[in-house]
Amino acid sequence: MTVTVGFAILLALYSLYWFVLATNLRDGVMSWLNEGRDEGFPASYQRIEISGFPATFRLILSGLNLAAPVFSESEVEMDWRWQGSRVIVEVKPWNVDRFWIDLS
């Protein structure tokens, strides 16, 4: 009985950890995109999803568009643009310093 209660508490704590970290991850990406937009690097997206519980944080950005001003040697301004239908970023909860990005 004690082992079952202890396991249930650990499971509840891990679930709380996962969902808090997933929310912070989503909010951090949204904040980073908004800060870039404010600094002259336009970015937009249609939707951000977080999935992968319990073993992975899978961040899916649908309809991501990025842009940046680029200057050539002749001082003529040109824009750099990138558009993807879906970007997937995966992070393991126990190793948030390493991540995998799929731009395909």
N, C-alpha and C. Protein backbone atom coordinates (compact mmCIF):
# COMPACT_ATOMS: atom_id res chain seq x y z
N MET A 1 0.82 -1.20 0.00
CA MET A 1 0.00 0.00 0.00
C MET A 1 0.87 1.27 0.00
N THR A 2 1.89 1.29 0.83
CA THR A 2 2.77 2.46 0.92
C THR A 2 3.51 2.67 -0.40
N VAL A 3 3.95 1.59 -1.01
CA VAL A 3 4.65 1.69 -2.29
C VAL A 3 3.72 2.25 -3.36
N THR A 4 2.47 1.82 -3.36
CA THR A 4 1.49 2.31 -4.34
C THR A 4 1.23 3.79 -4.16
N VAL A 5 1.08 4.22 -2.91
CA VAL A 5 0.86 5.65 -2.63
C VAL A 5 2.08 6.46 -3.03
N GLY A 6 3.27 5.96 -2.71
CA GLY A 6 4.50 6.66 -3.09
C GLY A 6 4.65 6.77 -4.60
N PHE A 7 4.34 5.69 -5.29
CA PHE A 7 4.40 5.71 -6.75
C PHE A 7 3.40 6.70 -7.33
N ALA A 8 2.19 6.74 -6.79
CA ALA A 8 1.16 7.67 -7.26
C ALA A 8 1.59 9.11 -7.03
N ILE A 9 2.25 9.37 -5.90
CA ILE A 9 2.74 10.73 -5.63
C ILE A 9 3.84 11.10 -6.61
N LEU A 10 4.78 10.18 -6.85
CA LEU A 10 5.84 10.45 -7.83
C LEU A 10 5.28 10.69 -9.23
N LEU A 11 4.30 9.89 -9.60
CA LEU A 11 3.66 10.06 -10.91
C LEU A 11 2.97 11.42 -11.02
N ALA A 12 2.29 11.83 -9.96
CA ALA A 12 1.62 13.13 -9.95
C ALA A 12 2.64 14.27 -10.03
N LEU A 13 3.75 14.15 -9.28
CA LEU A 13 4.78 15.19 -9.31
C LEU A 13 5.44 15.28 -10.68
N TYR A 14 5.74 14.13 -11.31
CA TYR A 14 6.33 14.15 -12.64
C TYR A 14 5.36 14.76 -13.65
N SER A 15 4.08 14.42 -13.55
CA SER A 15 3.08 14.99 -14.46
C SER A 15 3.02 16.50 -14.30
N LEU A 16 3.04 16.98 -13.07
CA LEU A 16 3.04 18.42 -12.81
C LEU A 16 4.30 19.06 -13.40
N TYR A 17 5.47 18.43 -13.17
CA TYR A 17 6.72 18.93 -13.74
C TYR A 17 6.62 19.03 -15.27
N TRP A 18 6.11 17.98 -15.92
CA TRP A 18 6.03 17.95 -17.37
C TRP A 18 5.14 19.07 -17.89
N PHE A 19 3.97 19.22 -17.31
CA PHE A 19 3.03 20.22 -17.82
C PHE A 19 3.49 21.65 -17.52
N VAL A 20 4.13 21.88 -16.38
CA VAL A 20 4.67 23.21 -16.09
C VAL A 20 5.80 23.54 -17.07
N LEU A 21 6.71 22.59 -17.29
CA LEU A 21 7.81 22.82 -18.23
C LEU A 21 7.30 22.99 -19.66
N ALA A 22 6.28 22.22 -20.05
CA ALA A 22 5.70 22.36 -21.39
C ALA A 22 5.08 23.74 -21.57
N THR A 23 4.38 24.22 -20.57
CA THR A 23 3.78 25.56 -20.64
C THR A 23 4.87 26.62 -20.72
N ASN A 24 5.92 26.48 -19.92
CA ASN A 24 7.03 27.44 -19.97
C ASN A 24 7.74 27.41 -21.32
N LEU A 25 7.90 26.22 -21.88
CA LEU A 25 8.52 26.09 -23.20
C LEU A 25 7.69 26.81 -24.27
N ARG A 26 6.39 26.55 -24.28
CA ARG A 26 5.50 27.21 -25.25
C ARG A 26 5.53 28.74 -25.07
N ASP A 27 5.42 29.20 -23.82
CA ASP A 27 5.44 30.64 -23.56
C ASP A 27 6.78 31.26 -23.92
N GLY A 28 7.88 30.53 -23.71
CA GLY A 28 9.20 31.04 -24.06
C GLY A 28 9.37 31.20 -25.56
N VAL A 29 8.88 30.24 -26.33
CA VAL A 29 8.96 30.34 -27.79
C VAL A 29 8.10 31.50 -28.28
N MET A 30 6.91 31.64 -27.74
CA MET A 30 6.04 32.75 -28.14
C MET A 30 6.69 34.09 -27.79
N SER A 31 7.29 34.19 -26.62
CA SER A 31 7.97 35.42 -26.20
C SER A 31 9.17 35.72 -27.10
N TRP A 32 9.95 34.67 -27.44
CA TRP A 32 11.11 34.85 -28.30
C TRP A 32 10.69 35.36 -29.68
N LEU A 33 9.62 34.80 -30.25
CA LEU A 33 9.13 35.25 -31.55
C LEU A 33 8.62 36.68 -31.48
N ASN A 34 7.93 37.02 -30.40
CA ASN A 34 7.43 38.39 -30.24
C ASN A 34 8.55 39.39 -30.05
N GLU A 35 9.58 39.04 -29.27
CA GLU A 35 10.73 39.93 -29.09
C GLU A 35 11.46 40.15 -30.42
N GLY A 36 11.61 39.08 -31.20
CA GLY A 36 12.25 39.22 -32.51
C GLY A 36 11.46 40.15 -33.41
N ARG A 37 10.15 40.04 -33.37
CA ARG A 37 9.29 40.91 -34.17
C ARG A 37 9.49 42.36 -33.74
N ASP A 38 9.58 42.60 -32.43
CA ASP A 38 9.78 43.96 -31.93
C ASP A 38 11.14 44.53 -32.31
N GLU A 39 12.12 43.66 -32.56
CA GLU A 39 13.47 44.10 -32.93
C GLU A 39 13.68 44.15 -34.44
N GLY A 40 12.61 43.98 -35.22
CA GLY A 40 12.72 44.10 -36.67
C GLY A 40 12.89 42.78 -37.40
N PHE A 41 12.65 41.68 -36.73
CA PHE A 41 12.73 40.36 -37.36
C PHE A 41 11.33 39.74 -37.32
N PRO A 42 10.51 40.06 -38.32
CA PRO A 42 9.12 39.60 -38.30
C PRO A 42 9.00 38.08 -38.27
N ALA A 43 8.10 37.62 -37.44
CA ALA A 43 7.82 36.19 -37.34
C ALA A 43 6.33 36.02 -37.09
N SER A 44 5.76 35.00 -37.69
CA SER A 44 4.37 34.70 -37.44
C SER A 44 4.18 33.19 -37.48
N TYR A 45 3.11 32.74 -36.88
CA TYR A 45 2.79 31.32 -36.87
C TYR A 45 1.28 31.19 -36.76
N GLN A 46 0.76 30.07 -37.20
CA GLN A 46 -0.67 29.84 -37.11
C GLN A 46 -1.04 29.20 -35.78
N ARG A 47 -0.22 28.23 -35.34
CA ARG A 47 -0.57 27.51 -34.13
C ARG A 47 0.69 26.90 -33.50
N ILE A 48 0.69 26.85 -32.16
CA ILE A 48 1.75 26.17 -31.42
C ILE A 48 1.08 25.07 -30.61
N GLU A 49 1.62 23.86 -30.74
CA GLU A 49 1.11 22.71 -29.97
C GLU A 49 2.26 22.09 -29.19
N ILE A 50 1.94 21.58 -28.00
CA ILE A 50 2.90 20.82 -27.22
C ILE A 50 2.30 19.44 -26.99
N SER A 51 3.08 18.41 -27.29
CA SER A 51 2.62 17.04 -27.07
C SER A 51 3.81 16.20 -26.65
N GLY A 52 3.61 14.88 -26.53
CA GLY A 52 4.70 13.97 -26.25
C GLY A 52 4.76 13.43 -24.83
N PHE A 53 3.78 13.78 -24.00
CA PHE A 53 3.79 13.29 -22.61
C PHE A 53 3.77 11.78 -22.61
N PRO A 54 4.57 11.12 -21.84
CA PRO A 54 5.43 11.58 -20.75
C PRO A 54 6.91 11.66 -21.10
N ALA A 55 7.33 11.11 -22.25
CA ALA A 55 8.76 10.94 -22.51
C ALA A 55 9.42 12.06 -23.29
N THR A 56 8.66 12.94 -23.92
CA THR A 56 9.24 13.96 -24.80
C THR A 56 8.39 15.22 -24.76
N PHE A 57 9.07 16.37 -24.90
CA PHE A 57 8.35 17.61 -25.21
C PHE A 57 8.42 17.75 -26.72
N ARG A 58 7.31 17.72 -27.39
CA ARG A 58 7.25 17.89 -28.84
C ARG A 58 6.52 19.19 -29.12
N LEU A 59 7.28 20.20 -29.54
CA LEU A 59 6.73 21.52 -29.86
C LEU A 59 6.51 21.57 -31.36
N ILE A 60 5.27 21.80 -31.78
CA ILE A 60 4.94 21.85 -33.21
C ILE A 60 4.45 23.26 -33.53
N LEU A 61 5.19 23.94 -34.41
CA LEU A 61 4.80 25.26 -34.88
C LEU A 61 4.26 25.11 -36.29
N SER A 62 3.00 25.39 -36.47
CA SER A 62 2.36 25.28 -37.78
C SER A 62 2.36 26.64 -38.45
N GLY A 63 2.68 26.65 -39.75
CA GLY A 63 2.64 27.89 -40.53
C GLY A 63 3.64 28.93 -40.07
N LEU A 64 4.86 28.51 -39.75
CA LEU A 64 5.88 29.44 -39.27
C LEU A 64 6.47 30.23 -40.43
N ASN A 65 6.55 31.55 -40.25
CA ASN A 65 7.17 32.46 -41.22
C ASN A 65 8.19 33.31 -40.48
N LEU A 66 9.42 33.35 -40.98
CA LEU A 66 10.48 34.16 -40.40
C LEU A 66 11.04 35.09 -41.47
N ALA A 67 11.47 36.26 -41.06
CA ALA A 67 12.08 37.20 -42.00
C ALA A 67 13.15 38.00 -41.27
N ALA A 68 14.12 38.48 -42.03
CA ALA A 68 15.20 39.30 -41.47
C ALA A 68 15.74 40.20 -42.56
N PRO A 69 16.09 41.43 -42.20
CA PRO A 69 16.75 42.29 -43.19
C PRO A 69 18.20 41.83 -43.39
N VAL A 70 18.63 41.83 -44.64
CA VAL A 70 19.99 41.44 -44.96
C VAL A 70 20.58 42.56 -45.80
N PHE A 71 21.80 42.95 -45.51
CA PHE A 71 22.44 44.02 -46.26
C PHE A 71 23.59 43.45 -47.07
N SER A 72 23.65 43.83 -48.31
CA SER A 72 24.76 43.39 -49.15
C SER A 72 25.90 44.39 -49.03
N GLU A 73 26.99 44.12 -49.70
CA GLU A 73 28.14 45.01 -49.65
C GLU A 73 27.85 46.36 -50.29
N SER A 74 26.90 46.41 -51.20
CA SER A 74 26.59 47.68 -51.87
C SER A 74 25.55 48.49 -51.10
N GLU A 75 25.25 48.07 -49.85
CA GLU A 75 24.30 48.77 -48.98
C GLU A 75 22.87 48.76 -49.53
N VAL A 76 22.59 47.85 -50.43
CA VAL A 76 21.22 47.69 -50.91
C VAL A 76 20.53 46.70 -49.98
N GLU A 77 19.40 47.12 -49.43
CA GLU A 77 18.71 46.26 -48.47
C GLU A 77 17.92 45.18 -49.20
N MET A 78 18.11 43.97 -48.75
CA MET A 78 17.35 42.84 -49.27
C MET A 78 16.78 42.10 -48.06
N ASP A 79 15.65 41.46 -48.26
CA ASP A 79 15.04 40.70 -47.17
C ASP A 79 15.31 39.22 -47.32
N TRP A 80 15.52 38.58 -46.19
CA TRP A 80 15.62 37.13 -46.13
C TRP A 80 14.32 36.62 -45.55
N ARG A 81 13.73 35.62 -46.17
CA ARG A 81 12.46 35.06 -45.70
C ARG A 81 12.53 33.55 -45.71
N TRP A 82 11.88 32.97 -44.70
CA TRP A 82 11.75 31.52 -44.63
C TRP A 82 10.33 31.19 -44.20
N GLN A 83 9.75 30.20 -44.85
CA GLN A 83 8.39 29.80 -44.54
C GLN A 83 8.33 28.28 -44.50
N GLY A 84 7.69 27.75 -43.48
CA GLY A 84 7.54 26.30 -43.37
C GLY A 84 6.13 25.95 -42.96
N SER A 85 5.64 24.86 -43.48
CA SER A 85 4.29 24.46 -43.10
C SER A 85 4.26 23.93 -41.67
N ARG A 86 5.38 23.31 -41.24
CA ARG A 86 5.42 22.77 -39.88
C ARG A 86 6.86 22.61 -39.43
N VAL A 87 7.15 23.04 -38.23
CA VAL A 87 8.45 22.86 -37.61
C VAL A 87 8.22 22.07 -36.33
N ILE A 88 9.00 21.02 -36.15
CA ILE A 88 8.87 20.19 -34.95
C ILE A 88 10.17 20.25 -34.17
N VAL A 89 10.07 20.56 -32.89
CA VAL A 89 11.22 20.57 -31.99
C VAL A 89 10.93 19.55 -30.89
N GLU A 90 11.88 18.65 -30.66
CA GLU A 90 11.71 17.65 -29.60
C GLU A 90 12.82 17.79 -28.57
N VAL A 91 12.42 17.72 -27.31
CA VAL A 91 13.32 17.83 -26.17
C VAL A 91 12.94 16.75 -25.17
N LYS A 92 13.93 16.11 -24.59
CA LYS A 92 13.67 15.14 -23.54
C LYS A 92 13.58 15.86 -22.19
N PRO A 93 12.62 15.52 -21.36
CA PRO A 93 12.45 16.21 -20.07
C PRO A 93 13.66 16.12 -19.15
N TRP A 94 14.48 15.09 -19.29
CA TRP A 94 15.63 14.92 -18.42
C TRP A 94 16.90 15.51 -19.03
N ASN A 95 16.81 16.08 -20.23
CA ASN A 95 17.98 16.67 -20.88
C ASN A 95 17.53 17.84 -21.75
N VAL A 96 17.16 18.94 -21.13
CA VAL A 96 16.61 20.07 -21.88
C VAL A 96 17.69 20.88 -22.61
N ASP A 97 18.96 20.52 -22.42
CA ASP A 97 20.05 21.22 -23.12
C ASP A 97 20.25 20.70 -24.54
N ARG A 98 19.69 19.55 -24.87
CA ARG A 98 19.80 18.96 -26.22
C ARG A 98 18.42 18.88 -26.84
N PHE A 99 18.33 19.24 -28.11
CA PHE A 99 17.04 19.18 -28.77
C PHE A 99 17.24 18.78 -30.22
N TRP A 100 16.16 18.36 -30.84
CA TRP A 100 16.13 17.91 -32.23
C TRP A 100 15.11 18.76 -32.96
N ILE A 101 15.48 19.27 -34.15
CA ILE A 101 14.59 20.12 -34.95
C ILE A 101 14.36 19.48 -36.31
N ASP A 102 13.09 19.41 -36.69
CA ASP A 102 12.70 18.87 -38.01
C ASP A 102 12.07 20.00 -38.80
N LEU A 103 12.71 20.42 -39.87
CA LEU A 103 12.19 21.49 -40.73
C LEU A 103 11.58 20.96 -42.02
N SER A 104 11.44 19.64 -42.14
CA SER A 104 11.00 19.06 -43.41
C SER A 104 9.58 19.30 -43.71
